[in-house]
Amino acid sequence: MDTKLTALPKLFIGLDIHKKSWSAHFRTDISEHKTVTMPAEPETLSHYVEANFAGYQVSLVYESSCCGFSASRYFLNLGWEVLVVNPADIPRMNKQSFQKTDKIDCRNLAKQLQAGQLRGIYIPTEDQDFLKSLLRQRARLTRQLRDAKSAIKSLLLYSGIKVPEQYDNPNWSKDFLKWIADLSWPYQTGKLCMESKLRMFGYIHQEYLQLSNQLRAYCRKHHKKDYYLLKSIPGVGGFLAAAILAELGDLRRFNNESQFASFIGLVPCIKNSGGKENVFGVTPRCRPLLRSYIVESAWIALRKDPQMLAYYRTHAGKNAKGIIIKIARKLLNRMLSVIKNEQPYKINFSKAA
């Protein structure tokens, strides 16, 4: 009697990725296979699967790491099912806290993948991945610019030079920089040191401005519709709109406001046990860079949106930090709404009054 294959055999691969080598554990739907160490090349793994598991339906999982998503995109193009998981979300036994090897890790990944215990994170497209890298380079320049300013002021303080009151603020004007450059120093070495710091500041500041302009220009050109929809919201400027698109991509992939807020990290950290509930501020699981930008923009929204200002005033006297987090959450809800409805935001003055 002829037999027909009613379902493809399944292969589950747990992958432990490192810079120079990969450890891969292979597990079929009926038995274990083995663990193999190979060079850190997607082609090597795909050739091994073709040679030993031809005709199998392949599912692969690995932990997110500094190696990024290039491997996942390669395997997705082969038609494999690919999960990239947050290392903190992988179920582990207590024993693995004391015995941790690449072999144990990849074997556990394969086992949890077959059991359906893993939930993958979002895998961005290559274009969005590089846009996110551009945003984070701008954030890195911001930190370097802050350090350059601190170095200049530290030298002034160390040398006993008092900054005039009109210049003693976070906003550095051209006049302030000229005042620093024209300072007279008792020794040439002091002047040379300050000139070096000023050159460093000038270069970083110029790069910072150029990169910020390039980021906004790219989003205006390639994400024009969503960029201007986000900019229609009071408190959301050109840079924040570009930052949201760079970090998150298409906001339409979020099913609801709670999922969107949870992804950003604007949800409470709660512990509820025995009928007693404790709230410990916002969750530490977040997109820290984007969350800080959104909280800053919430303060701007207070000045520009009567509804936000009215909400803030009704909670006057309470914890200001807690209130601004709630306003930031409202701002998130508006962002998702304008993108989903594809309509610019309009301030409702009648309700605010």
C-alpha atoms as a PDB file:
ATOM      1  CA  MET A   1       0.000   0.000   0.000  1.00  0.00           C
ATOM      2  CA  ASP A   2       1.309   3.461  -0.916  1.00  0.00           C
ATOM      3  CA  THR A   3       1.836   5.914   1.968  1.00  0.00           C
ATOM      4  CA  LYS A   4       1.664   9.655   1.563  1.00  0.00           C
ATOM      5  CA  LEU A   5       3.367  12.283   3.677  1.00  0.00           C
ATOM      6  CA  THR A   6       0.603  14.307   5.340  1.00  0.00           C
ATOM      7  CA  ALA A   7       2.855  16.754   7.221  1.00  0.00           C
ATOM      8  CA  LEU A   8       6.420  17.923   6.855  1.00  0.00           C
ATOM      9  CA  PRO A   9       8.871  16.739   9.529  1.00  0.00           C
ATOM     10  CA  LYS A  10       9.925  19.588  11.790  1.00  0.00           C
ATOM     11  CA  LEU A  11      13.389  20.720  12.815  1.00  0.00           C
ATOM     12  CA  PHE A  12      14.003  23.009  15.785  1.00  0.00           C
ATOM     13  CA  ILE A  13      17.350  24.806  16.054  1.00  0.00           C
ATOM     14  CA  GLY A  14      18.602  26.560  19.169  1.00  0.00           C
ATOM     15  CA  LEU A  15      21.447  28.894  18.280  1.00  0.00           C
ATOM     16  CA  ASP A  16      23.968  30.516  20.621  1.00  0.00           C
ATOM     17  CA  ILE A  17      25.591  33.333  18.665  1.00  0.00           C
ATOM     18  CA  HIS A  18      29.052  34.771  19.294  1.00  0.00           C
ATOM     19  CA  LYS A  19      31.386  36.937  17.262  1.00  0.00           C
ATOM     20  CA  LYS A  20      33.651  34.120  15.991  1.00  0.00           C
ATOM     21  CA  SER A  21      31.623  30.940  16.459  1.00  0.00           C
ATOM     22  CA  TRP A  22      28.079  29.623  16.762  1.00  0.00           C
ATOM     23  CA  SER A  23      26.783  26.692  18.796  1.00  0.00           C
ATOM     24  CA  ALA A  24      23.692  25.097  17.261  1.00  0.00           C
ATOM     25  CA  HIS A  25      21.553  22.345  18.779  1.00  0.00           C
ATOM     26  CA  PHE A  26      19.308  20.384  16.423  1.00  0.00           C
ATOM     27  CA  ARG A  27      16.097  18.758  17.599  1.00  0.00           C
ATOM     28  CA  THR A  28      13.418  17.152  15.409  1.00  0.00           C
ATOM     29  CA  ASP A  29       9.765  16.654  16.316  1.00  0.00           C
ATOM     30  CA  ILE A  30      10.508  13.051  17.347  1.00  0.00           C
ATOM     31  CA  SER A  31      14.054  13.011  18.716  1.00  0.00           C
ATOM     32  CA  GLU A  32      17.183  14.904  19.708  1.00  0.00           C
ATOM     33  CA  HIS A  33      19.972  15.275  17.148  1.00  0.00           C
ATOM     34  CA  LYS A  34      23.187  16.857  18.400  1.00  0.00           C
ATOM     35  CA  THR A  35      25.024  20.098  19.133  1.00  0.00           C
ATOM     36  CA  VAL A  36      27.453  21.449  16.557  1.00  0.00           C
ATOM     37  CA  THR A  37      29.986  24.275  16.822  1.00  0.00           C
ATOM     38  CA  MET A  38      30.599  26.110  13.560  1.00  0.00           C
ATOM     39  CA  PRO A  39      32.028  29.371  12.197  1.00  0.00           C
ATOM     40  CA  ALA A  40      29.844  32.447  12.662  1.00  0.00           C
ATOM     41  CA  GLU A  41      28.472  32.318   9.107  1.00  0.00           C
ATOM     42  CA  PRO A  42      24.777  31.834   8.183  1.00  0.00           C
ATOM     43  CA  GLU A  43      25.805  29.968   5.028  1.00  0.00           C
ATOM     44  CA  THR A  44      27.535  27.249   7.062  1.00  0.00           C
ATOM     45  CA  LEU A  45      24.383  26.552   9.072  1.00  0.00           C
ATOM     46  CA  SER A  46      22.115  26.563   6.025  1.00  0.00           C
ATOM     47  CA  HIS A  47      24.423  24.112   4.199  1.00  0.00           C
ATOM     48  CA  TYR A  48      24.427  21.797   7.230  1.00  0.00           C
ATOM     49  CA  VAL A  49      20.626  21.789   7.326  1.00  0.00           C
ATOM     50  CA  GLU A  50      20.370  21.148   3.584  1.00  0.00           C
ATOM     51  CA  ALA A  51      22.774  18.220   3.839  1.00  0.00           C
ATOM     52  CA  ASN A  52      21.219  16.565   6.893  1.00  0.00           C
ATOM     53  CA  PHE A  53      17.595  17.730   7.081  1.00  0.00           C
ATOM     54  CA  ALA A  54      16.416  18.190   3.515  1.00  0.00           C
ATOM     55  CA  GLY A  55      12.630  18.576   3.320  1.00  0.00           C
ATOM     56  CA  TYR A  56      12.203  19.592   6.965  1.00  0.00           C
ATOM     57  CA  GLN A  57      10.179  22.566   8.151  1.00  0.00           C
ATOM     58  CA  VAL A  58      12.838  24.588   9.975  1.00  0.00           C
ATOM     59  CA  SER A  59      12.303  26.793  13.051  1.00  0.00           C
ATOM     60  CA  LEU A  60      15.251  28.644  14.579  1.00  0.00           C
ATOM     61  CA  VAL A  61      15.726  30.750  17.690  1.00  0.00           C
ATOM     62  CA  TYR A  62      18.581  32.774  19.155  1.00  0.00           C
ATOM     63  CA  GLU A  63      19.059  35.419  21.816  1.00  0.00           C
ATOM     64  CA  SER A  64      19.259  39.081  20.848  1.00  0.00           C
ATOM     65  CA  SER A  65      22.818  40.350  21.170  1.00  0.00           C
ATOM     66  CA  CYS A  66      25.391  42.757  19.777  1.00  0.00           C
ATOM     67  CA  CYS A  67      25.412  40.707  16.557  1.00  0.00           C
ATOM     68  CA  GLY A  68      22.100  42.251  15.542  1.00  0.00           C
ATOM     69  CA  PHE A  69      19.477  40.899  13.162  1.00  0.00           C
ATOM     70  CA  SER A  70      21.474  40.183   9.997  1.00  0.00           C
ATOM     71  CA  ALA A  71      21.440  36.421  10.661  1.00  0.00           C
ATOM     72  CA  SER A  72      17.687  36.379  11.270  1.00  0.00           C
ATOM     73  CA  ARG A  73      16.997  38.205   8.012  1.00  0.00           C
ATOM     74  CA  TYR A  74      19.208  35.741   6.131  1.00  0.00           C
ATOM     75  CA  PHE A  75      17.301  32.733   7.489  1.00  0.00           C
ATOM     76  CA  LEU A  76      13.911  34.390   6.941  1.00  0.00           C
ATOM     77  CA  ASN A  77      14.829  34.756   3.276  1.00  0.00           C
ATOM     78  CA  LEU A  78      15.369  30.978   3.186  1.00  0.00           C
ATOM     79  CA  GLY A  79      11.783  30.460   4.319  1.00  0.00           C
ATOM     80  CA  TRP A  80      12.648  29.422   7.868  1.00  0.00           C
ATOM     81  CA  GLU A  81      10.628  30.431  10.910  1.00  0.00           C
ATOM     82  CA  VAL A  82      12.911  32.642  13.008  1.00  0.00           C
ATOM     83  CA  LEU A  83      12.537  33.944  16.551  1.00  0.00           C
ATOM     84  CA  VAL A  84      14.900  36.426  18.185  1.00  0.00           C
ATOM     85  CA  VAL A  85      14.203  36.467  21.925  1.00  0.00           C
ATOM     86  CA  ASN A  86      15.061  38.699  24.848  1.00  0.00           C
ATOM     87  CA  PRO A  87      17.558  36.713  27.006  1.00  0.00           C
ATOM     88  CA  ALA A  88      15.622  37.726  30.140  1.00  0.00           C
ATOM     89  CA  ASP A  89      12.455  36.044  28.823  1.00  0.00           C
ATOM     90  CA  ILE A  90      13.911  32.555  28.329  1.00  0.00           C
ATOM     91  CA  PRO A  91      12.663  29.980  30.882  1.00  0.00           C
ATOM     92  CA  ARG A  92      15.596  28.443  32.759  1.00  0.00           C
ATOM     93  CA  MET A  93      16.009  25.969  35.584  1.00  0.00           C
ATOM     94  CA  ASN A  94      17.867  26.938  38.751  1.00  0.00           C
ATOM     95  CA  LYS A  95      20.614  24.507  37.764  1.00  0.00           C
ATOM     96  CA  GLN A  96      21.496  26.717  34.794  1.00  0.00           C
ATOM     97  CA  SER A  97      22.432  29.508  37.169  1.00  0.00           C
ATOM     98  CA  PHE A  98      25.417  27.409  38.268  1.00  0.00           C
ATOM     99  CA  GLN A  99      26.198  25.490  35.073  1.00  0.00           C
ATOM    100  CA  LYS A 100      26.155  27.715  32.016  1.00  0.00           C
ATOM    101  CA  THR A 101      27.769  26.665  28.739  1.00  0.00           C
ATOM    102  CA  ASP A 102      27.025  27.346  25.091  1.00  0.00           C
ATOM    103  CA  LYS A 103      25.908  23.735  24.671  1.00  0.00           C
ATOM    104  CA  ILE A 104      23.432  23.952  27.560  1.00  0.00           C
ATOM    105  CA  ASP A 105      22.110  27.308  26.391  1.00  0.00           C
ATOM    106  CA  CYS A 106      21.431  26.326  22.778  1.00  0.00           C
ATOM    107  CA  ARG A 107      19.925  23.005  23.840  1.00  0.00           C
ATOM    108  CA  ASN A 108      17.553  24.804  26.197  1.00  0.00           C
ATOM    109  CA  LEU A 109      16.597  27.211  23.404  1.00  0.00           C
ATOM    110  CA  ALA A 110      15.725  24.343  21.057  1.00  0.00           C
ATOM    111  CA  LYS A 111      13.692  22.611  23.760  1.00  0.00           C
ATOM    112  CA  GLN A 112      11.729  25.761  24.644  1.00  0.00           C
ATOM    113  CA  LEU A 113      11.159  26.520  20.962  1.00  0.00           C
ATOM    114  CA  GLN A 114       9.584  23.106  20.365  1.00  0.00           C
ATOM    115  CA  ALA A 115       7.421  23.506  23.465  1.00  0.00           C
ATOM    116  CA  GLY A 116       6.173  26.897  22.233  1.00  0.00           C
ATOM    117  CA  GLN A 117       7.401  28.676  25.368  1.00  0.00           C
ATOM    118  CA  LEU A 118       9.254  31.494  23.606  1.00  0.00           C
ATOM    119  CA  ARG A 119       7.994  34.831  22.368  1.00  0.00           C
ATOM    120  CA  GLY A 120      10.115  36.655  19.837  1.00  0.00           C
ATOM    121  CA  ILE A 121      10.894  40.350  19.635  1.00  0.00           C
ATOM    122  CA  TYR A 122      10.298  42.485  16.561  1.00  0.00           C
ATOM    123  CA  ILE A 123      12.810  41.939  13.746  1.00  0.00           C
ATOM    124  CA  PRO A 124      13.299  45.238  11.887  1.00  0.00           C
ATOM    125  CA  THR A 125      14.014  45.564   8.201  1.00  0.00           C
ATOM    126  CA  GLU A 126      17.564  46.365   7.174  1.00  0.00           C
ATOM    127  CA  ASP A 127      16.565  49.902   6.206  1.00  0.00           C
ATOM    128  CA  GLN A 128      14.997  50.583   9.608  1.00  0.00           C
ATOM    129  CA  ASP A 129      17.937  48.980  11.393  1.00  0.00           C
ATOM    130  CA  PHE A 130      20.362  51.473   9.865  1.00  0.00           C
ATOM    131  CA  LEU A 131      17.981  54.358  10.560  1.00  0.00           C
ATOM    132  CA  LYS A 132      17.934  53.312  14.221  1.00  0.00           C
ATOM    133  CA  SER A 133      21.742  53.212  14.186  1.00  0.00           C
ATOM    134  CA  LEU A 134      21.742  56.786  12.870  1.00  0.00           C
ATOM    135  CA  LEU A 135      19.504  57.901  15.740  1.00  0.00           C
ATOM    136  CA  ARG A 136      21.716  56.210  18.319  1.00  0.00           C
ATOM    137  CA  GLN A 137      24.809  57.790  16.810  1.00  0.00           C
ATOM    138  CA  ARG A 138      23.138  61.156  17.331  1.00  0.00           C
ATOM    139  CA  ALA A 139      22.464  60.211  20.969  1.00  0.00           C
ATOM    140  CA  ARG A 140      26.117  59.233  21.342  1.00  0.00           C
ATOM    141  CA  LEU A 141      27.185  62.622  19.963  1.00  0.00           C
ATOM    142  CA  THR A 142      24.854  64.305  22.462  1.00  0.00           C
ATOM    143  CA  ARG A 143      26.683  62.614  25.326  1.00  0.00           C
ATOM    144  CA  GLN A 144      30.064  63.535  23.838  1.00  0.00           C
ATOM    145  CA  LEU A 145      28.955  67.147  23.428  1.00  0.00           C
ATOM    146  CA  ARG A 146      27.900  67.228  27.069  1.00  0.00           C
ATOM    147  CA  ASP A 147      31.273  65.809  28.096  1.00  0.00           C
ATOM    148  CA  ALA A 148      33.115  68.403  25.982  1.00  0.00           C
ATOM    149  CA  LYS A 149      31.194  71.216  27.689  1.00  0.00           C
ATOM    150  CA  SER A 150      31.931  69.757  31.115  1.00  0.00           C
ATOM    151  CA  ALA A 151      35.645  69.517  30.284  1.00  0.00           C
ATOM    152  CA  ILE A 152      35.781  73.197  29.325  1.00  0.00           C
ATOM    153  CA  LYS A 153      33.937  74.365  32.419  1.00  0.00           C
ATOM    154  CA  SER A 154      36.029  72.075  34.615  1.00  0.00           C
ATOM    155  CA  LEU A 155      39.222  73.672  33.344  1.00  0.00           C
ATOM    156  CA  LEU A 156      37.817  77.138  33.996  1.00  0.00           C
ATOM    157  CA  LEU A 157      36.827  76.154  37.538  1.00  0.00           C
ATOM    158  CA  TYR A 158      40.148  74.415  38.201  1.00  0.00           C
ATOM    159  CA  SER A 159      42.016  77.520  37.020  1.00  0.00           C
ATOM    160  CA  GLY A 160      39.990  79.827  39.248  1.00  0.00           C
ATOM    161  CA  ILE A 161      38.363  81.642  36.308  1.00  0.00           C
ATOM    162  CA  LYS A 162      34.800  82.738  37.060  1.00  0.00           C
ATOM    163  CA  VAL A 163      32.253  82.583  34.264  1.00  0.00           C
ATOM    164  CA  PRO A 164      30.314  85.889  33.862  1.00  0.00           C
ATOM    165  CA  GLU A 165      26.722  85.679  35.052  1.00  0.00           C
ATOM    166  CA  GLN A 166      25.249  86.304  31.586  1.00  0.00           C
ATOM    167  CA  TYR A 167      27.056  83.208  30.257  1.00  0.00           C
ATOM    168  CA  ASP A 168      26.541  80.906  33.238  1.00  0.00           C
ATOM    169  CA  ASN A 169      23.680  78.802  31.800  1.00  0.00           C
ATOM    170  CA  PRO A 170      23.297  75.593  29.755  1.00  0.00           C
ATOM    171  CA  ASN A 171      22.869  77.486  26.456  1.00  0.00           C
ATOM    172  CA  TRP A 172      26.257  78.315  25.008  1.00  0.00           C
ATOM    173  CA  SER A 173      26.205  81.358  22.746  1.00  0.00           C
ATOM    174  CA  LYS A 174      28.809  82.478  20.238  1.00  0.00           C
ATOM    175  CA  ASP A 175      29.674  85.350  22.560  1.00  0.00           C
ATOM    176  CA  PHE A 176      30.440  82.900  25.382  1.00  0.00           C
ATOM    177  CA  LEU A 177      32.711  80.826  23.139  1.00  0.00           C
ATOM    178  CA  LYS A 178      34.466  84.010  21.990  1.00  0.00           C
ATOM    179  CA  TRP A 179      34.921  85.073  25.630  1.00  0.00           C
ATOM    180  CA  ILE A 180      36.582  81.718  26.379  1.00  0.00           C
ATOM    181  CA  ALA A 181      38.814  81.915  23.307  1.00  0.00           C
ATOM    182  CA  ASP A 182      39.958  85.453  24.231  1.00  0.00           C
ATOM    183  CA  LEU A 183      40.915  84.577  27.813  1.00  0.00           C
ATOM    184  CA  SER A 184      44.447  85.447  28.817  1.00  0.00           C
ATOM    185  CA  TRP A 185      46.427  82.664  30.512  1.00  0.00           C
ATOM    186  CA  PRO A 186      49.515  83.077  32.685  1.00  0.00           C
ATOM    187  CA  TYR A 187      51.200  80.202  30.856  1.00  0.00           C
ATOM    188  CA  GLN A 188      51.012  79.101  27.245  1.00  0.00           C
ATOM    189  CA  THR A 189      50.251  75.502  28.247  1.00  0.00           C
ATOM    190  CA  GLY A 190      46.932  76.578  29.775  1.00  0.00           C
ATOM    191  CA  LYS A 191      45.956  78.353  26.565  1.00  0.00           C
ATOM    192  CA  LEU A 192      46.959  75.361  24.440  1.00  0.00           C
ATOM    193  CA  CYS A 193      44.881  73.047  26.627  1.00  0.00           C
ATOM    194  CA  MET A 194      41.789  75.240  26.312  1.00  0.00           C
ATOM    195  CA  GLU A 195      42.255  75.615  22.554  1.00  0.00           C
ATOM    196  CA  SER A 196      42.334  71.836  22.230  1.00  0.00           C
ATOM    197  CA  LYS A 197      39.095  71.517  24.201  1.00  0.00           C
ATOM    198  CA  LEU A 198      37.436  74.220  22.104  1.00  0.00           C
ATOM    199  CA  ARG A 199      38.457  72.485  18.861  1.00  0.00           C
ATOM    200  CA  MET A 200      37.022  69.227  20.169  1.00  0.00           C
ATOM    201  CA  PHE A 201      33.797  70.958  21.181  1.00  0.00           C
ATOM    202  CA  GLY A 202      33.533  72.700  17.796  1.00  0.00           C
ATOM    203  CA  TYR A 203      33.972  69.467  15.844  1.00  0.00           C
ATOM    204  CA  ILE A 204      31.448  67.501  17.927  1.00  0.00           C
ATOM    205  CA  HIS A 205      28.934  70.367  17.850  1.00  0.00           C
ATOM    206  CA  GLN A 206      29.167  70.643  14.067  1.00  0.00           C
ATOM    207  CA  GLU A 207      28.767  66.877  13.642  1.00  0.00           C
ATOM    208  CA  TYR A 208      25.832  66.903  16.055  1.00  0.00           C
ATOM    209  CA  LEU A 209      23.980  69.583  14.091  1.00  0.00           C
ATOM    210  CA  GLN A 210      24.697  67.949  10.748  1.00  0.00           C
ATOM    211  CA  LEU A 211      23.549  64.512  11.896  1.00  0.00           C
ATOM    212  CA  SER A 212      20.343  65.912  13.413  1.00  0.00           C
ATOM    213  CA  ASN A 213      19.504  67.640  10.130  1.00  0.00           C
ATOM    214  CA  GLN A 214      20.268  64.497   8.134  1.00  0.00           C
ATOM    215  CA  LEU A 215      18.042  62.367  10.380  1.00  0.00           C
ATOM    216  CA  ARG A 216      15.068  64.699   9.981  1.00  0.00           C
ATOM    217  CA  ALA A 217      15.645  65.084   6.237  1.00  0.00           C
ATOM    218  CA  TYR A 218      15.716  61.306   5.726  1.00  0.00           C
ATOM    219  CA  CYS A 219      12.414  60.838   7.571  1.00  0.00           C
ATOM    220  CA  ARG A 220      10.796  63.707   5.689  1.00  0.00           C
ATOM    221  CA  LYS A 221      11.763  62.045   2.418  1.00  0.00           C
ATOM    222  CA  HIS A 222      11.213  58.345   3.127  1.00  0.00           C
ATOM    223  CA  HIS A 223       8.528  58.442   5.866  1.00  0.00           C
ATOM    224  CA  LYS A 224       6.807  61.677   4.874  1.00  0.00           C
ATOM    225  CA  LYS A 225       3.225  60.707   5.724  1.00  0.00           C
ATOM    226  CA  ASP A 226       3.900  59.342   9.218  1.00  0.00           C
ATOM    227  CA  TYR A 227       6.457  62.061   9.954  1.00  0.00           C
ATOM    228  CA  TYR A 228       3.966  64.892   9.431  1.00  0.00           C
ATOM    229  CA  LEU A 229       1.156  62.998  11.173  1.00  0.00           C
ATOM    230  CA  LEU A 230       3.308  62.760  14.303  1.00  0.00           C
ATOM    231  CA  LYS A 231       4.402  66.393  14.009  1.00  0.00           C
ATOM    232  CA  SER A 232       0.760  67.496  14.096  1.00  0.00           C
ATOM    233  CA  ILE A 233       0.610  66.530  17.792  1.00  0.00           C
ATOM    234  CA  PRO A 234       1.460  69.395  20.195  1.00  0.00           C
ATOM    235  CA  GLY A 235       4.757  68.627  21.887  1.00  0.00           C
ATOM    236  CA  VAL A 236       6.075  66.432  19.069  1.00  0.00           C
ATOM    237  CA  GLY A 237       8.726  68.202  17.039  1.00  0.00           C
ATOM    238  CA  GLY A 238      10.684  67.150  13.997  1.00  0.00           C
ATOM    239  CA  PHE A 239      13.401  65.353  15.931  1.00  0.00           C
ATOM    240  CA  LEU A 240      11.012  63.361  18.156  1.00  0.00           C
ATOM    241  CA  ALA A 241       8.950  62.323  15.127  1.00  0.00           C
ATOM    242  CA  ALA A 242      12.134  61.101  13.432  1.00  0.00           C
ATOM    243  CA  ALA A 243      13.252  59.340  16.633  1.00  0.00           C
ATOM    244  CA  ILE A 244       9.944  57.459  16.919  1.00  0.00           C
ATOM    245  CA  LEU A 245      10.098  56.308  13.306  1.00  0.00           C
ATOM    246  CA  ALA A 246      13.759  55.309  13.686  1.00  0.00           C
ATOM    247  CA  GLU A 247      13.272  53.300  16.896  1.00  0.00           C
ATOM    248  CA  LEU A 248       9.873  51.770  16.155  1.00  0.00           C
ATOM    249  CA  GLY A 249       9.369  51.722  12.402  1.00  0.00           C
ATOM    250  CA  ASP A 250       5.707  51.364  11.418  1.00  0.00           C
ATOM    251  CA  LEU A 251       3.507  52.024  14.460  1.00  0.00           C
ATOM    252  CA  ARG A 252       0.613  50.201  12.794  1.00  0.00           C
ATOM    253  CA  ARG A 253       2.077  46.883  13.948  1.00  0.00           C
ATOM    254  CA  PHE A 254       0.911  47.627  17.511  1.00  0.00           C
ATOM    255  CA  ASN A 255      -2.553  46.226  18.178  1.00  0.00           C
ATOM    256  CA  ASN A 256      -3.567  48.651  20.900  1.00  0.00           C
ATOM    257  CA  GLU A 257      -2.403  51.496  23.123  1.00  0.00           C
ATOM    258  CA  SER A 258      -1.414  49.218  26.012  1.00  0.00           C
ATOM    259  CA  GLN A 259       0.903  47.183  23.803  1.00  0.00           C
ATOM    260  CA  PHE A 260       2.462  50.357  22.441  1.00  0.00           C
ATOM    261  CA  ALA A 261       3.017  51.848  25.912  1.00  0.00           C
ATOM    262  CA  SER A 262       4.449  48.565  27.202  1.00  0.00           C
ATOM    263  CA  PHE A 263       6.953  48.455  24.339  1.00  0.00           C
ATOM    264  CA  ILE A 264       8.156  51.989  25.136  1.00  0.00           C
ATOM    265  CA  GLY A 265       8.168  51.322  28.890  1.00  0.00           C
ATOM    266  CA  LEU A 266       5.484  53.745  30.077  1.00  0.00           C
ATOM    267  CA  VAL A 267       3.622  51.197  32.184  1.00  0.00           C
ATOM    268  CA  PRO A 268       3.786  50.744  35.970  1.00  0.00           C
ATOM    269  CA  CYS A 269       5.991  48.247  37.773  1.00  0.00           C
ATOM    270  CA  ILE A 270       3.473  46.346  39.906  1.00  0.00           C
ATOM    271  CA  LYS A 271       3.751  43.588  42.483  1.00  0.00           C
ATOM    272  CA  ASN A 272       0.451  42.093  43.650  1.00  0.00           C
ATOM    273  CA  SER A 273       0.381  39.285  46.179  1.00  0.00           C
ATOM    274  CA  GLY A 274      -2.159  38.195  48.765  1.00  0.00           C
ATOM    275  CA  GLY A 275      -4.503  41.056  47.918  1.00  0.00           C
ATOM    276  CA  LYS A 276      -1.778  43.651  48.530  1.00  0.00           C
ATOM    277  CA  GLU A 277      -0.605  45.685  45.561  1.00  0.00           C
ATOM    278  CA  ASN A 278       2.559  47.777  45.410  1.00  0.00           C
ATOM    279  CA  VAL A 279       3.451  50.101  42.550  1.00  0.00           C
ATOM    280  CA  PHE A 280       7.156  50.907  42.106  1.00  0.00           C
ATOM    281  CA  GLY A 281       7.061  53.660  39.488  1.00  0.00           C
ATOM    282  CA  VAL A 282       7.489  52.831  35.799  1.00  0.00           C
ATOM    283  CA  THR A 283       8.865  49.524  34.597  1.00  0.00           C
ATOM    284  CA  PRO A 284      12.637  49.180  34.089  1.00  0.00           C
ATOM    285  CA  ARG A 285      11.902  47.230  30.880  1.00  0.00           C
ATOM    286  CA  CYS A 286      11.871  50.002  28.310  1.00  0.00           C
ATOM    287  CA  ARG A 287      13.382  51.750  25.339  1.00  0.00           C
ATOM    288  CA  PRO A 288      15.321  54.160  27.577  1.00  0.00           C
ATOM    289  CA  LEU A 289      16.370  56.608  24.876  1.00  0.00           C
ATOM    290  CA  LEU A 290      12.904  56.958  23.378  1.00  0.00           C
ATOM    291  CA  ARG A 291      11.164  57.030  26.761  1.00  0.00           C
ATOM    292  CA  SER A 292      13.325  59.937  27.918  1.00  0.00           C
ATOM    293  CA  TYR A 293      12.540  61.864  24.717  1.00  0.00           C
ATOM    294  CA  ILE A 294       8.795  61.325  25.166  1.00  0.00           C
ATOM    295  CA  VAL A 295       8.821  62.413  28.814  1.00  0.00           C
ATOM    296  CA  GLU A 296      10.696  65.588  27.809  1.00  0.00           C
ATOM    297  CA  SER A 297       8.145  66.255  25.067  1.00  0.00           C
ATOM    298  CA  ALA A 298       5.329  65.877  27.626  1.00  0.00           C
ATOM    299  CA  TRP A 299       6.570  69.032  29.360  1.00  0.00           C
ATOM    300  CA  ILE A 300       6.431  70.871  26.020  1.00  0.00           C
ATOM    301  CA  ALA A 301       2.916  69.539  25.385  1.00  0.00           C
ATOM    302  CA  LEU A 302       1.797  71.231  28.619  1.00  0.00           C
ATOM    303  CA  ARG A 303       2.613  74.617  27.120  1.00  0.00           C
ATOM    304  CA  LYS A 304       1.061  73.945  23.729  1.00  0.00           C
ATOM    305  CA  ASP A 305      -2.040  71.848  24.414  1.00  0.00           C
ATOM    306  CA  PRO A 306      -4.852  73.292  26.603  1.00  0.00           C
ATOM    307  CA  GLN A 307      -6.207  69.802  27.337  1.00  0.00           C
ATOM    308  CA  MET A 308      -2.880  68.610  28.713  1.00  0.00           C
ATOM    309  CA  LEU A 309      -2.524  71.771  30.781  1.00  0.00           C
ATOM    310  CA  ALA A 310      -6.043  71.361  32.185  1.00  0.00           C
ATOM    311  CA  TYR A 311      -5.284  67.755  33.137  1.00  0.00           C
ATOM    312  CA  TYR A 312      -2.059  68.826  34.860  1.00  0.00           C
ATOM    313  CA  ARG A 313      -3.833  71.546  36.832  1.00  0.00           C
ATOM    314  CA  THR A 314      -6.530  69.159  38.068  1.00  0.00           C
ATOM    315  CA  HIS A 315      -3.727  67.113  39.677  1.00  0.00           C
ATOM    316  CA  ALA A 316      -1.818  70.087  41.052  1.00  0.00           C
ATOM    317  CA  GLY A 317      -0.190  69.400  44.401  1.00  0.00           C
ATOM    318  CA  LYS A 318       0.377  65.724  43.677  1.00  0.00           C
ATOM    319  CA  ASN A 319       3.644  64.075  42.657  1.00  0.00           C
ATOM    320  CA  ALA A 320       4.756  66.094  39.605  1.00  0.00           C
ATOM    321  CA  LYS A 321       6.849  63.240  38.236  1.00  0.00           C
ATOM    322  CA  GLY A 322       3.934  60.846  38.392  1.00  0.00           C
ATOM    323  CA  ILE A 323       1.647  63.327  36.636  1.00  0.00           C
ATOM    324  CA  ILE A 324       4.102  63.956  33.802  1.00  0.00           C
ATOM    325  CA  ILE A 325       4.368  60.208  33.208  1.00  0.00           C
ATOM    326  CA  LYS A 326       0.581  60.073  32.819  1.00  0.00           C
ATOM    327  CA  ILE A 327       0.746  62.965  30.344  1.00  0.00           C
ATOM    328  CA  ALA A 328       3.493  61.167  28.444  1.00  0.00           C
ATOM    329  CA  ARG A 329       1.200  58.128  28.269  1.00  0.00           C
ATOM    330  CA  LYS A 330      -1.576  60.315  26.840  1.00  0.00           C
ATOM    331  CA  LEU A 331       0.921  61.610  24.307  1.00  0.00           C
ATOM    332  CA  LEU A 332       1.703  58.036  23.274  1.00  0.00           C
ATOM    333  CA  ASN A 333      -1.998  57.313  22.810  1.00  0.00           C
ATOM    334  CA  ARG A 334      -2.270  60.295  20.469  1.00  0.00           C
ATOM    335  CA  MET A 335       0.736  59.155  18.452  1.00  0.00           C
ATOM    336  CA  LEU A 336      -0.774  55.729  17.835  1.00  0.00           C
ATOM    337  CA  SER A 337      -4.175  57.234  17.088  1.00  0.00           C
ATOM    338  CA  VAL A 338      -2.998  59.651  14.365  1.00  0.00           C
ATOM    339  CA  ILE A 339      -0.979  56.900  12.682  1.00  0.00           C
ATOM    340  CA  LYS A 340      -3.788  54.324  12.797  1.00  0.00           C
ATOM    341  CA  ASN A 341      -6.474  56.786  11.664  1.00  0.00           C
ATOM    342  CA  GLU A 342      -4.100  58.558   9.252  1.00  0.00           C
ATOM    343  CA  GLN A 343      -5.555  61.917  10.256  1.00  0.00           C
ATOM    344  CA  PRO A 344      -3.571  64.873  11.699  1.00  0.00           C
ATOM    345  CA  TYR A 345      -4.248  65.736  15.322  1.00  0.00           C
ATOM    346  CA  LYS A 346      -6.561  68.684  15.999  1.00  0.00           C
ATOM    347  CA  ILE A 347      -6.662  70.465  19.349  1.00  0.00           C
ATOM    348  CA  ASN A 348     -10.126  70.426  20.880  1.00  0.00           C
ATOM    349  CA  PHE A 349     -10.322  73.893  22.415  1.00  0.00           C
ATOM    350  CA  SER A 350     -13.972  73.501  23.438  1.00  0.00           C
ATOM    351  CA  LYS A 351     -13.251  70.548  25.728  1.00  0.00           C
ATOM    352  CA  ALA A 352     -10.204  72.290  27.171  1.00  0.00           C
ATOM    353  CA  ALA A 353     -12.320  75.272  28.125  1.00  0.00           C
END
